[in-house]
C-alpha atoms as a PDB file:
ATOM      1  CA  UNK A   1      -6.966  22.081  -8.362  1.00  0.00           C
ATOM      2  CA  UNK A   2      -5.075  18.808  -8.321  1.00  0.00           C
ATOM      3  CA  UNK A   3      -4.664  16.641 -11.405  1.00  0.00           C
ATOM      4  CA  UNK A   4      -3.908  13.561  -9.325  1.00  0.00           C
ATOM      5  CA  UNK A   5      -5.441  10.264 -10.317  1.00  0.00           C
ATOM      6  CA  UNK A   6      -6.711   8.005  -7.522  1.00  0.00           C
ATOM      7  CA  UNK A   7      -6.189   4.265  -7.841  1.00  0.00           C
ATOM      8  CA  UNK A   8      -7.727   1.516  -5.721  1.00  0.00           C
ATOM      9  CA  UNK A   9      -5.989  -1.825  -5.293  1.00  0.00           C
ATOM     10  CA  UNK A  10      -7.083  -5.120  -3.820  1.00  0.00           C
ATOM     11  CA  UNK A  11      -4.464  -7.312  -2.217  1.00  0.00           C
ATOM     12  CA  UNK A  12      -4.022 -10.413  -0.114  1.00  0.00           C
ATOM     13  CA  UNK A  13      -1.003 -11.154   2.037  1.00  0.00           C
ATOM     14  CA  UNK A  14       0.522 -13.596   4.457  1.00  0.00           C
ATOM     15  CA  UNK A  15       1.263 -11.465   7.500  1.00  0.00           C
ATOM     16  CA  UNK A  16       3.571 -13.893   9.282  1.00  0.00           C
ATOM     17  CA  UNK A  17       6.692 -11.753   8.725  1.00  0.00           C
ATOM     18  CA  UNK A  18       5.027  -8.371   9.278  1.00  0.00           C
ATOM     19  CA  UNK A  19       3.924  -6.244  12.199  1.00  0.00           C
ATOM     20  CA  UNK A  20       0.526  -5.602  10.682  1.00  0.00           C
ATOM     21  CA  UNK A  21      -0.634  -3.333   7.885  1.00  0.00           C
ATOM     22  CA  UNK A  22       0.161   0.116   9.268  1.00  0.00           C
ATOM     23  CA  UNK A  23       3.613   1.730   9.143  1.00  0.00           C
ATOM     24  CA  UNK A  24       5.368   1.617  12.516  1.00  0.00           C
ATOM     25  CA  UNK A  25       8.719   2.752  13.812  1.00  0.00           C
ATOM     26  CA  UNK A  26      11.196  -0.106  14.323  1.00  0.00           C
ATOM     27  CA  UNK A  27       8.989  -2.750  12.675  1.00  0.00           C
ATOM     28  CA  UNK A  28       8.369  -3.934   9.111  1.00  0.00           C
ATOM     29  CA  UNK A  29       4.782  -3.521   7.920  1.00  0.00           C
ATOM     30  CA  UNK A  30       2.847  -4.417   4.785  1.00  0.00           C
ATOM     31  CA  UNK A  31       2.041  -0.752   4.085  1.00  0.00           C
ATOM     32  CA  UNK A  32       5.715   0.216   4.289  1.00  0.00           C
ATOM     33  CA  UNK A  33       6.747  -2.415   1.756  1.00  0.00           C
ATOM     34  CA  UNK A  34       3.837  -1.654  -0.570  1.00  0.00           C
ATOM     35  CA  UNK A  35       4.702   2.063  -0.518  1.00  0.00           C
ATOM     36  CA  UNK A  36       8.341   1.270  -1.344  1.00  0.00           C
ATOM     37  CA  UNK A  37       7.357  -1.075  -4.186  1.00  0.00           C
ATOM     38  CA  UNK A  38       4.883   1.368  -5.749  1.00  0.00           C
ATOM     39  CA  UNK A  39       7.366   4.231  -5.370  1.00  0.00           C
ATOM     40  CA  UNK A  40      10.018   2.183  -7.172  1.00  0.00           C
ATOM     41  CA  UNK A  41       7.687   1.139  -9.997  1.00  0.00           C
ATOM     42  CA  UNK A  42       6.183   4.612 -10.488  1.00  0.00           C
ATOM     43  CA  UNK A  43       9.488   6.441  -9.858  1.00  0.00           C
ATOM     44  CA  UNK A  44       7.974   8.881  -7.374  1.00  0.00           C
ATOM     45  CA  UNK A  45       7.017   8.854  -3.692  1.00  0.00           C
ATOM     46  CA  UNK A  46       3.742   6.974  -3.174  1.00  0.00           C
ATOM     47  CA  UNK A  47       1.785   6.729   0.065  1.00  0.00           C
ATOM     48  CA  UNK A  48      -1.069   4.259   0.362  1.00  0.00           C
ATOM     49  CA  UNK A  49      -4.134   4.441   2.581  1.00  0.00           C
ATOM     50  CA  UNK A  50      -5.577   1.120   3.705  1.00  0.00           C
ATOM     51  CA  UNK A  51      -9.169   0.159   4.472  1.00  0.00           C
ATOM     52  CA  UNK A  52      -8.234  -0.836   8.009  1.00  0.00           C
ATOM     53  CA  UNK A  53      -5.450  -2.325  10.083  1.00  0.00           C
ATOM     54  CA  UNK A  54      -4.236  -5.779  10.991  1.00  0.00           C
ATOM     55  CA  UNK A  55      -2.244  -6.981  13.976  1.00  0.00           C
ATOM     56  CA  UNK A  56       1.201  -8.556  13.925  1.00  0.00           C
ATOM     57  CA  UNK A  57       1.219 -11.843  12.038  1.00  0.00           C
ATOM     58  CA  UNK A  58      -2.350 -11.517  10.738  1.00  0.00           C
ATOM     59  CA  UNK A  59      -3.073 -12.533   7.137  1.00  0.00           C
ATOM     60  CA  UNK A  60      -5.450 -10.744   4.791  1.00  0.00           C
ATOM     61  CA  UNK A  61      -7.494 -12.489   2.095  1.00  0.00           C
ATOM     62  CA  UNK A  62      -9.193  -9.339   0.799  1.00  0.00           C
ATOM     63  CA  UNK A  63      -7.678  -5.967   1.722  1.00  0.00           C
ATOM     64  CA  UNK A  64      -8.210  -2.694  -0.125  1.00  0.00           C
ATOM     65  CA  UNK A  65      -6.017   0.376  -0.335  1.00  0.00           C
ATOM     66  CA  UNK A  66      -5.747   3.464  -2.478  1.00  0.00           C
ATOM     67  CA  UNK A  67      -3.030   5.849  -3.611  1.00  0.00           C
ATOM     68  CA  UNK A  68      -2.777   8.967  -5.727  1.00  0.00           C
ATOM     69  CA  UNK A  69      -0.503   9.458  -8.725  1.00  0.00           C
ATOM     70  CA  UNK A  70       0.119  12.813 -10.448  1.00  0.00           C
ATOM     71  CA  UNK A  71      -0.532  11.322 -13.877  1.00  0.00           C
ATOM     72  CA  UNK A  72      -2.703   8.563 -15.369  1.00  0.00           C
ATOM     73  CA  UNK A  73      -1.120   5.105 -15.280  1.00  0.00           C
ATOM     74  CA  UNK A  74      -1.038   3.131 -18.486  1.00  0.00           C
ATOM     75  CA  UNK A  75      -3.303   0.073 -18.530  1.00  0.00           C
ATOM     76  CA  UNK A  76      -2.790  -3.107 -20.480  1.00  0.00           C
END
């Protein structure tokens, strides 16, 4: 049985500089950068799952994703 904690996040982004949400070879995506940022902050590999996909250059006003962490995160 896994002790992972699941966290849901809501985000908005300007997609002008990105090739959409989903990770792609040879292109920078929002998901790729979010995974890197969360992995840096939490000091462990983090992979997000998004609620959908966007095309190159598309902005998102309300986008949801989730990720699992092996321990509870401290809240404020």
